[in-house]
């Protein structure tokens, strides 16, 4: 059995981690913006019964859109590097390890 190349494993890890961190950071910034606009904290759990429907929907749409765009941007930037991004690039790198 062939042992995985540590460099390939590290690149795959980076390829998975960077988009997730970008989305997390973007949602955090969105939370600060939400707080500035509404003078209230963003809902930690929009599904909680004490969160109004309107507030839950607005926060979910805003944070999901901003997080998704950040993840997409990170993946597009990674696609131009040797680091495999999620999706087809990642599948090819994982197949090389098998």
Protein backbone atom coordinates (compact mmCIF):
# COMPACT_ATOMS: atom_id res chain seq x y z
CA UNK A 1 0.00 0.00 0.00
CA UNK A 2 1.36 3.40 -0.99
CA UNK A 3 1.67 5.94 1.82
CA UNK A 4 0.15 9.35 1.09
CA UNK A 5 2.62 12.09 0.26
CA UNK A 6 2.64 14.56 3.20
CA UNK A 7 2.87 17.51 0.80
CA UNK A 8 -0.24 16.34 -1.08
CA UNK A 9 -2.12 15.85 2.19
CA UNK A 10 -1.11 19.33 3.32
CA UNK A 11 -2.27 20.86 0.02
CA UNK A 12 -5.60 19.06 0.26
CA UNK A 13 -6.00 20.27 3.85
CA UNK A 14 -5.26 23.85 2.82
CA UNK A 15 -7.68 23.51 -0.10
CA UNK A 16 -10.45 22.52 2.29
CA UNK A 17 -9.54 24.92 5.08
CA UNK A 18 -9.11 28.20 3.19
CA UNK A 19 -12.65 28.41 1.73
CA UNK A 20 -14.19 27.42 5.06
CA UNK A 21 -12.19 30.06 6.92
CA UNK A 22 -13.05 32.69 4.31
CA UNK A 23 -16.76 31.96 4.73
CA UNK A 24 -16.47 32.02 8.52
CA UNK A 25 -14.64 35.34 8.48
CA UNK A 26 -17.15 36.84 6.05
CA UNK A 27 -20.08 35.77 8.23
CA UNK A 28 -18.34 37.28 11.25
CA UNK A 29 -17.91 40.59 9.42
CA UNK A 30 -21.54 40.38 8.32
CA UNK A 31 -22.52 39.97 11.97
CA UNK A 32 -20.67 43.16 12.86
CA UNK A 33 -22.41 44.97 10.01
CA UNK A 34 -25.77 43.62 11.15
CA UNK A 35 -25.05 44.91 14.64
CA UNK A 36 -24.14 48.37 13.33
CA UNK A 37 -27.31 48.60 11.24
CA UNK A 38 -29.82 47.16 13.69
CA UNK A 39 -28.16 48.00 17.03
CA UNK A 40 -28.79 44.35 18.00
CA UNK A 41 -26.61 41.27 17.86
CA UNK A 42 -27.14 38.96 14.92
CA UNK A 43 -29.12 35.88 15.92
CA UNK A 44 -26.76 33.08 16.99
CA UNK A 45 -29.42 30.54 16.08
CA UNK A 46 -32.08 31.85 13.67
CA UNK A 47 -34.16 28.73 14.31
CA UNK A 48 -34.59 29.58 18.00
CA UNK A 49 -38.26 30.21 18.89
CA UNK A 50 -37.48 33.61 20.44
CA UNK A 51 -36.04 34.92 17.14
CA UNK A 52 -38.70 36.60 15.02
CA UNK A 53 -39.31 35.14 11.56
CA UNK A 54 -38.41 38.38 9.83
CA UNK A 55 -35.10 38.66 11.68
CA UNK A 56 -34.29 34.97 11.09
CA UNK A 57 -34.99 35.20 7.35
CA UNK A 58 -33.02 38.41 6.87
CA UNK A 59 -30.02 37.11 8.80
CA UNK A 60 -30.05 33.75 7.02
CA UNK A 61 -30.20 35.33 3.56
CA UNK A 62 -27.53 37.94 4.32
CA UNK A 63 -25.07 35.65 6.11
CA UNK A 64 -25.60 32.80 3.64
CA UNK A 65 -25.05 35.04 0.64
CA UNK A 66 -21.96 36.70 2.07
CA UNK A 67 -20.50 33.40 3.30
CA UNK A 68 -21.21 31.70 -0.02
CA UNK A 69 -19.59 34.49 -2.01
CA UNK A 70 -16.51 34.39 0.23
CA UNK A 71 -16.23 30.60 -0.20
CA UNK A 72 -16.63 30.93 -3.97
CA UNK A 73 -14.01 33.68 -4.13
CA UNK A 74 -11.53 31.58 -2.15
CA UNK A 75 -12.15 28.55 -4.36
CA UNK A 76 -11.69 30.62 -7.52
CA UNK A 77 -8.43 32.05 -6.18
CA UNK A 78 -7.21 28.57 -5.24
CA UNK A 79 -8.09 27.26 -8.69
CA UNK A 80 -5.32 29.46 -10.09
CA UNK A 81 -2.72 27.90 -7.76
CA UNK A 82 -1.25 24.44 -7.15
CA UNK A 83 -3.55 24.04 -4.15
CA UNK A 84 -6.55 21.89 -5.11
CA UNK A 85 -9.90 23.53 -4.47
CA UNK A 86 -13.02 21.62 -3.48
CA UNK A 87 -14.73 19.75 -6.30
CA UNK A 88 -13.08 18.21 -9.37
CA UNK A 89 -9.58 19.45 -8.45
CA UNK A 90 -9.89 17.88 -5.01
CA UNK A 91 -11.16 14.55 -6.37
CA UNK A 92 -8.17 14.33 -8.70
CA UNK A 93 -5.73 14.96 -5.85
CA UNK A 94 -7.42 12.40 -3.60
CA UNK A 95 -7.31 9.82 -6.43
CA UNK A 96 -3.54 10.39 -6.74
CA UNK A 97 -3.13 9.40 -3.09
CA UNK A 98 -4.96 6.07 -3.50
